[in-house]
């Protein structure tokens, strides 16, 4: 099971690299490639976390709870930065591109914070 996360992560990394390459060569930033990037990060994080999550013990619950707790505040910080940047006209984004950014930030923040908590606990 652990190897499947690694294999999926590698396939998704190649796909993400291709999407970024195509988007940058077209002359635009490829916002549509952020979601596959987030899924790539999620696959590699699950590859690391699966041995800890396999056993449904107290440590796994603490990692999940603390990871979600810290990601909540990180996401609030991200949203404040994004809203401030949009409000003062620092960046111009379409609604769809903003959704790509928010979705990918949410996925990556939750799983990376769980990896950090797994290293701490």
Protein backbone atom coordinates (compact mmCIF):
# COMPACT_ATOMS: atom_id res chain seq x y z
CA UNK A 1 0.00 0.00 0.00
CA UNK A 2 2.82 2.37 0.84
CA UNK A 3 4.48 1.87 -2.54
CA UNK A 4 1.27 2.81 -4.35
CA UNK A 5 1.36 6.30 -2.81
CA UNK A 6 4.93 6.68 -4.03
CA UNK A 7 4.08 5.47 -7.53
CA UNK A 8 1.02 7.72 -7.77
CA UNK A 9 3.10 10.64 -6.46
CA UNK A 10 5.77 10.11 -9.11
CA UNK A 11 3.19 9.87 -11.91
CA UNK A 12 1.45 13.00 -10.64
CA UNK A 13 4.80 14.82 -10.38
CA UNK A 14 5.52 14.07 -14.03
CA UNK A 15 2.06 15.21 -15.04
CA UNK A 16 2.41 18.41 -12.99
CA UNK A 17 5.82 19.15 -14.47
CA UNK A 18 4.37 18.70 -17.96
CA UNK A 19 1.44 21.02 -17.19
CA UNK A 20 3.77 23.69 -15.80
CA UNK A 21 6.05 23.35 -18.82
CA UNK A 22 3.18 23.69 -21.28
CA UNK A 23 1.66 26.62 -19.41
CA UNK A 24 4.91 28.54 -19.09
CA UNK A 25 5.80 27.89 -22.73
CA UNK A 26 2.39 29.32 -23.69
CA UNK A 27 3.38 32.52 -21.90
CA UNK A 28 0.99 32.36 -18.94
CA UNK A 29 1.24 31.07 -15.41
CA UNK A 30 -0.60 27.72 -15.40
CA UNK A 31 -3.01 28.11 -12.46
CA UNK A 32 -4.73 24.91 -13.61
CA UNK A 33 -1.55 22.99 -12.71
CA UNK A 34 -1.79 23.92 -9.02
CA UNK A 35 -4.37 21.23 -8.21
CA UNK A 36 -2.27 18.37 -9.65
CA UNK A 37 0.66 19.85 -7.72
CA UNK A 38 -1.40 19.71 -4.52
CA UNK A 39 -2.37 16.10 -5.23
CA UNK A 40 1.30 15.28 -5.81
CA UNK A 41 2.20 16.76 -2.43
CA UNK A 42 -0.69 14.85 -0.87
CA UNK A 43 0.50 11.54 -2.36
CA UNK A 44 4.05 12.00 -1.09
CA UNK A 45 2.77 13.07 2.34
CA UNK A 46 0.54 10.00 2.52
CA UNK A 47 3.53 7.86 1.54
CA UNK A 48 5.32 9.24 4.59
CA UNK A 49 2.29 9.19 6.91
CA UNK A 50 0.83 5.78 6.06
CA UNK A 51 3.05 3.78 8.46
CA UNK A 52 1.99 6.09 11.31
CA UNK A 53 -1.69 6.10 10.32
CA UNK A 54 -1.84 2.35 9.75
CA UNK A 55 -2.07 1.77 13.49
CA UNK A 56 -5.12 3.55 14.83
CA UNK A 57 -3.52 4.61 18.08
CA UNK A 58 -3.35 7.77 20.18
CA UNK A 59 -0.33 9.10 18.28
CA UNK A 60 -2.24 9.03 14.99
CA UNK A 61 -5.13 10.95 16.54
CA UNK A 62 -2.77 13.57 17.97
CA UNK A 63 -1.03 13.99 14.60
CA UNK A 64 -4.37 14.48 12.84
CA UNK A 65 -5.79 16.84 15.46
CA UNK A 66 -2.69 19.02 15.72
CA UNK A 67 -2.21 19.01 11.94
CA UNK A 68 -5.76 20.22 11.34
CA UNK A 69 -5.49 22.74 14.19
CA UNK A 70 -2.33 24.38 12.84
CA UNK A 71 -3.56 24.26 9.24
CA UNK A 72 -6.66 26.18 10.27
CA UNK A 73 -4.55 29.13 11.42
CA UNK A 74 -2.20 28.89 8.45
CA UNK A 75 -5.19 28.98 6.08
CA UNK A 76 -6.63 31.99 7.89
CA UNK A 77 -3.29 33.72 7.40
CA UNK A 78 -3.26 32.78 3.69
CA UNK A 79 -6.80 34.07 3.22
CA UNK A 80 -5.98 37.37 4.92
CA UNK A 81 -2.93 37.81 2.68
CA UNK A 82 -4.93 36.95 -0.46
CA UNK A 83 -7.86 39.22 0.46
CA UNK A 84 -5.52 42.09 1.32
CA UNK A 85 -3.59 41.69 -1.93
CA UNK A 86 -6.79 41.63 -3.96
CA UNK A 87 -8.27 44.54 -2.00
CA UNK A 88 -5.38 46.93 -2.58
CA UNK A 89 -5.00 45.86 -6.19
CA UNK A 90 -1.60 44.23 -5.74
CA UNK A 91 -2.70 41.18 -7.74
CA UNK A 92 -5.40 40.62 -10.33
CA UNK A 93 -7.00 37.18 -10.42
CA UNK A 94 -10.07 35.67 -11.96
CA UNK A 95 -12.44 33.76 -9.71
CA UNK A 96 -11.39 30.45 -11.26
CA UNK A 97 -7.68 31.13 -10.71
CA UNK A 98 -8.40 32.18 -7.13
CA UNK A 99 -10.22 28.90 -6.56
CA UNK A 100 -7.24 26.98 -7.96
CA UNK A 101 -4.96 28.77 -5.51
CA UNK A 102 -7.24 28.33 -2.49
CA UNK A 103 -7.91 24.66 -3.20
CA UNK A 104 -4.25 23.80 -3.66
CA UNK A 105 -3.18 25.80 -0.59
CA UNK A 106 -5.78 24.00 1.53
CA UNK A 107 -4.75 20.52 0.42
CA UNK A 108 -1.02 21.19 0.74
CA UNK A 109 -1.29 22.96 4.09
CA UNK A 110 -3.28 20.18 5.75
CA UNK A 111 -1.00 17.36 4.63
CA UNK A 112 2.30 19.19 5.15
CA UNK A 113 1.23 20.19 8.66
CA UNK A 114 0.44 16.52 9.39
CA UNK A 115 3.93 15.54 8.22
CA UNK A 116 5.44 18.19 10.48
CA UNK A 117 3.37 16.97 13.43
CA UNK A 118 4.41 13.39 12.70
CA UNK A 119 8.05 14.44 12.92
CA UNK A 120 7.44 16.29 16.19
CA UNK A 121 5.31 13.63 17.92
